[in-house]
Amino acid sequence: MTTTSRFDPRALLARSRLGVLATIKSDGRPQLSPVMPAYDAEAGVIRVSTRDGLAKTANLRRDPRATLEVTAPDGRSWATAEGVATLTGPGTDPHGPEVEALVEYYRAAAGEHPDWDEYRSTMVADRRVLLTITVERVYGADVG
């Protein structure tokens, strides 16, 4: 007896910790950036930590449309999520709401940090922002 399972691109999105974020440059071409996404299926959002002042943040402030693509380690399946992004931060207070949002992102993406005080200080010093994509569409394929 053969068992077939239906591919779920949301499941691949949830377990992926490396993806490519596409934003739109001012000339209309895509800007592609490797990122470490954390997909919250229940909330319907993808969160990414990035630095303020980079091309992707400038692009998203101008045009909030964003697409994230993830690929399975064996390359045989992929998932794409499209949506609208918001940016939170950068924060100036290591215990302020902007940095707290980055702490929650880190916990979802990587677990507990060995030194939260150091992490919080680094988030302020690096002018980190939390990019949140409200997912409107998810699709993908298993070609294996």
Protein backbone atom coordinates (compact mmCIF):
# COMPACT_ATOMS: atom_id res chain seq x y z
CA MET A 1 0.00 0.00 0.00
CA THR A 2 1.39 3.39 -1.02
CA THR A 3 0.78 6.40 1.16
CA THR A 4 0.86 9.83 -0.39
CA SER A 5 1.03 12.97 1.63
CA ARG A 6 -0.15 16.31 0.46
CA PHE A 7 2.53 19.02 0.42
CA ASP A 8 1.84 21.93 2.76
CA PRO A 9 3.88 25.03 1.89
CA ARG A 10 2.96 26.58 5.27
CA ALA A 11 4.66 23.67 7.06
CA LEU A 12 7.86 24.26 5.08
CA LEU A 13 7.62 27.96 5.85
CA ALA A 14 7.22 27.22 9.57
CA ARG A 15 10.33 25.04 9.81
CA SER A 16 12.60 27.11 7.55
CA ARG A 17 15.19 29.37 9.16
CA LEU A 18 16.76 30.66 5.96
CA GLY A 19 14.95 32.39 3.15
CA VAL A 20 15.21 35.06 0.48
CA LEU A 21 13.24 38.26 0.96
CA ALA A 22 12.22 40.18 -2.15
CA THR A 23 11.41 43.89 -1.93
CA ILE A 24 10.94 46.39 -4.73
CA LYS A 25 13.70 48.85 -5.63
CA SER A 26 12.82 52.39 -6.69
CA ASP A 27 13.45 51.41 -10.34
CA GLY A 28 10.97 48.51 -10.05
CA ARG A 29 13.51 45.69 -10.03
CA PRO A 30 13.58 43.19 -7.15
CA GLN A 31 16.00 43.54 -4.25
CA LEU A 32 16.84 40.05 -2.93
CA SER A 33 18.16 39.60 0.61
CA PRO A 34 18.97 36.44 2.58
CA VAL A 35 17.08 36.51 5.89
CA MET A 36 16.27 34.34 8.92
CA PRO A 37 12.45 34.20 8.99
CA ALA A 38 10.17 33.15 11.82
CA TYR A 39 6.68 32.23 10.59
CA ASP A 40 3.82 32.51 13.07
CA ALA A 41 1.04 30.55 11.36
CA GLU A 42 -1.50 31.35 14.06
CA ALA A 43 -0.98 35.10 13.68
CA GLY A 44 -0.47 34.85 9.92
CA VAL A 45 2.80 36.78 9.98
CA ILE A 46 6.48 36.31 9.18
CA ARG A 47 9.00 38.19 11.29
CA VAL A 48 12.59 39.07 10.38
CA SER A 49 15.20 41.11 12.22
CA THR A 50 17.17 43.54 10.09
CA ARG A 51 19.07 46.82 10.39
CA ASP A 52 17.60 50.21 9.72
CA GLY A 53 19.08 52.00 6.73
CA LEU A 54 19.62 48.93 4.54
CA ALA A 55 18.19 48.69 1.03
CA LYS A 56 15.40 46.34 2.11
CA THR A 57 14.18 48.67 4.86
CA ALA A 58 14.32 51.71 2.57
CA ASN A 59 12.42 49.77 -0.09
CA LEU A 60 9.74 48.66 2.38
CA ARG A 61 9.25 52.17 3.75
CA ARG A 62 8.57 53.30 0.17
CA ASP A 63 6.57 50.22 -0.95
CA PRO A 64 5.53 47.72 1.73
CA ARG A 65 4.93 44.77 -0.60
CA ALA A 66 7.20 41.85 0.26
CA THR A 67 7.73 38.24 -0.81
CA LEU A 68 9.65 35.55 1.05
CA GLU A 69 10.83 32.32 -0.57
CA VAL A 70 12.15 29.32 1.35
CA THR A 71 13.53 26.05 -0.01
CA ALA A 72 13.81 22.65 1.65
CA PRO A 73 17.40 21.57 2.44
CA ASP A 74 17.28 18.97 -0.35
CA GLY A 75 16.00 21.56 -2.86
CA ARG A 76 12.98 19.43 -3.76
CA SER A 77 10.30 21.68 -2.31
CA TRP A 78 9.78 25.39 -1.92
CA ALA A 79 7.27 27.82 -0.44
CA THR A 80 6.56 31.45 -1.20
CA ALA A 81 4.69 33.88 1.02
CA GLU A 82 3.46 37.24 -0.22
CA GLY A 83 2.19 40.09 1.87
CA VAL A 84 2.54 43.59 3.21
CA ALA A 85 5.35 44.52 5.59
CA THR A 86 5.54 46.86 8.55
CA LEU A 87 8.70 47.94 10.34
CA THR A 88 8.96 48.36 14.11
CA GLY A 89 11.88 50.36 15.47
CA PRO A 90 14.66 51.03 15.76
CA GLY A 91 14.48 51.33 19.51
CA THR A 92 16.59 53.55 21.75
CA ASP A 93 15.75 51.84 25.06
CA PRO A 94 17.06 48.28 25.58
CA HIS A 95 13.86 47.52 27.52
CA GLY A 96 11.47 49.46 25.27
CA PRO A 97 8.72 47.93 23.13
CA GLU A 98 10.76 47.95 19.92
CA VAL A 99 13.54 45.85 21.47
CA GLU A 100 11.01 43.66 23.27
CA ALA A 101 9.53 42.79 19.86
CA LEU A 102 13.02 41.74 18.70
CA VAL A 103 13.42 39.56 21.80
CA GLU A 104 10.17 37.76 20.95
CA TYR A 105 11.35 37.31 17.36
CA TYR A 106 14.66 35.83 18.55
CA ARG A 107 12.88 33.39 20.84
CA ALA A 108 10.66 32.21 17.97
CA ALA A 109 13.53 31.94 15.49
CA ALA A 110 16.37 30.62 17.65
CA GLY A 111 15.25 29.96 21.24
CA GLU A 112 16.81 31.49 24.32
CA HIS A 113 19.79 33.83 24.02
CA PRO A 114 22.70 33.19 26.43
CA ASP A 115 22.86 36.89 27.45
CA TRP A 116 19.68 38.92 27.02
CA ASP A 117 21.28 42.15 28.31
CA GLU A 118 23.97 41.90 25.63
CA TYR A 119 21.34 41.09 22.99
CA ARG A 120 19.20 44.09 23.96
CA SER A 121 22.19 46.46 23.92
CA THR A 122 23.26 45.15 20.52
CA MET A 123 19.77 45.66 19.08
CA VAL A 124 19.88 49.33 20.09
CA ALA A 125 23.50 49.86 18.95
CA ASP A 126 22.88 48.16 15.59
CA ARG A 127 19.61 50.09 15.03
CA ARG A 128 17.76 46.79 14.50
CA VAL A 129 14.17 46.83 13.32
CA LEU A 130 11.56 44.10 13.28
CA LEU A 131 10.13 43.49 9.83
CA THR A 132 6.67 41.90 10.05
CA ILE A 133 4.99 40.59 6.90
CA THR A 134 1.25 40.10 7.15
CA VAL A 135 0.86 37.06 4.91
CA GLU A 136 -1.79 37.36 2.20
CA ARG A 137 -0.90 34.35 0.06
CA VAL A 138 1.22 31.21 0.46
CA TYR A 139 2.00 28.77 -2.33
CA GLY A 140 4.69 26.29 -3.24
CA ALA A 141 5.46 22.87 -4.62
CA ASP A 142 7.11 19.59 -3.80
CA VAL A 143 8.96 18.49 -6.92
CA GLY A 144 10.61 15.47 -5.30
